[in-house]
Amino acid sequence: MMCPGLTSAGGWLPPAEEALPAGSVVAVHAEGKEHAAGIGITKLDTEEMKRINKNVGVETVAYLGDDLWSLKTL
C-alpha cells in the first residue's frame, strides 16, 4: 500500500503517541468495511509515512481472496 493512500482523506494512521514502528504486522481495512481486507508489514514507521508521504508504506502479505486467505485449515 502506498503512503498517499494511507494519508488521504479515506485513509487512517495512528496518532503520534500510538505510532507503529517499521516491521509491524498490521490489518488493512477498506474504507467503510467492517473486516480486514488484508494483512501487511509496515515498511516505514507510521510517522515517517505521514512525513514522507510517498513510496510503499505497507507491504501486503495476504489479501482477501488470495491462496492463503482461501485455505480452509492450516
Protein backbone atom coordinates (compact mmCIF):
# COMPACT_ATOMS: atom_id res chain seq x y z
CA MET A 1 0.00 0.00 0.00
CA MET A 2 1.33 3.37 -0.97
CA CYS A 3 1.76 6.07 1.68
CA PRO A 4 -0.56 8.56 -0.10
CA GLY A 5 -3.42 6.05 0.22
CA LEU A 6 -2.82 5.81 3.94
CA THR A 7 -2.62 9.56 4.46
CA SER A 8 -5.55 10.52 2.17
CA ALA A 9 -8.96 11.61 3.41
CA GLY A 10 -10.19 7.97 3.40
CA GLY A 11 -7.00 6.57 4.96
CA TRP A 12 -6.04 6.28 8.62
CA LEU A 13 -2.77 6.15 10.55
CA PRO A 14 -2.47 6.18 14.34
CA PRO A 15 -1.71 9.42 16.18
CA ALA A 16 1.94 10.16 17.04
CA GLU A 17 1.60 8.88 20.62
CA GLU A 18 0.49 5.47 19.26
CA ALA A 19 2.91 5.34 16.29
CA LEU A 20 3.87 1.91 14.95
CA PRO A 21 7.49 1.07 14.13
CA ALA A 22 8.66 -0.29 10.78
CA GLY A 23 8.22 -4.06 10.70
CA SER A 24 4.86 -4.06 12.50
CA VAL A 25 2.21 -6.53 11.35
CA VAL A 26 -0.98 -4.63 10.51
CA ALA A 27 -4.52 -5.33 9.33
CA VAL A 28 -5.54 -3.46 6.18
CA HIS A 29 -9.17 -2.30 6.11
CA ALA A 30 -11.05 -0.92 3.13
CA GLU A 31 -12.97 2.28 3.75
CA GLY A 32 -16.45 1.54 5.06
CA LYS A 33 -15.82 -2.19 5.59
CA GLU A 34 -16.06 -3.90 8.98
CA HIS A 35 -13.47 -6.64 8.46
CA ALA A 36 -9.86 -6.58 7.25
CA ALA A 37 -9.22 -7.00 3.53
CA GLY A 38 -5.56 -7.84 4.01
CA ILE A 39 -2.56 -8.26 6.28
CA GLY A 40 0.70 -6.39 5.79
CA ILE A 41 4.02 -5.36 7.31
CA THR A 42 4.94 -1.70 7.69
CA LYS A 43 8.00 -0.69 5.64
CA LEU A 44 8.32 2.65 7.47
CA ASP A 45 7.18 3.76 10.89
CA THR A 46 3.81 5.50 10.77
CA GLU A 47 5.25 8.95 11.50
CA GLU A 48 7.64 8.54 8.53
CA MET A 49 4.67 7.59 6.34
CA LYS A 50 2.98 10.87 7.26
CA ARG A 51 6.15 12.93 6.78
CA ILE A 52 7.44 11.37 3.53
CA ASN A 53 4.01 10.56 2.03
CA LYS A 54 5.34 8.64 -0.99
CA ASN A 55 6.50 5.13 -1.88
CA VAL A 56 5.35 1.91 -0.22
CA GLY A 57 4.24 2.20 3.41
CA VAL A 58 2.83 -1.31 3.93
CA GLU A 59 3.95 -4.44 2.11
CA THR A 60 0.93 -6.71 1.58
CA VAL A 61 1.45 -10.28 2.83
CA ALA A 62 -2.06 -11.71 2.36
CA TYR A 63 -5.25 -10.23 0.96
CA LEU A 64 -8.90 -11.15 0.59
CA GLY A 65 -9.25 -13.92 -1.97
CA ASP A 66 -5.60 -14.95 -2.30
CA ASP A 67 -4.48 -18.58 -1.89
CA LEU A 68 -3.62 -18.21 1.81
CA TRP A 69 -6.93 -16.49 2.60
CA SER A 70 -8.83 -19.28 0.81
CA LEU A 71 -7.34 -22.12 2.90
CA LYS A 72 -9.91 -23.99 4.95
CA THR A 73 -7.31 -25.16 7.51
CA LEU A 74 -3.62 -24.59 8.11
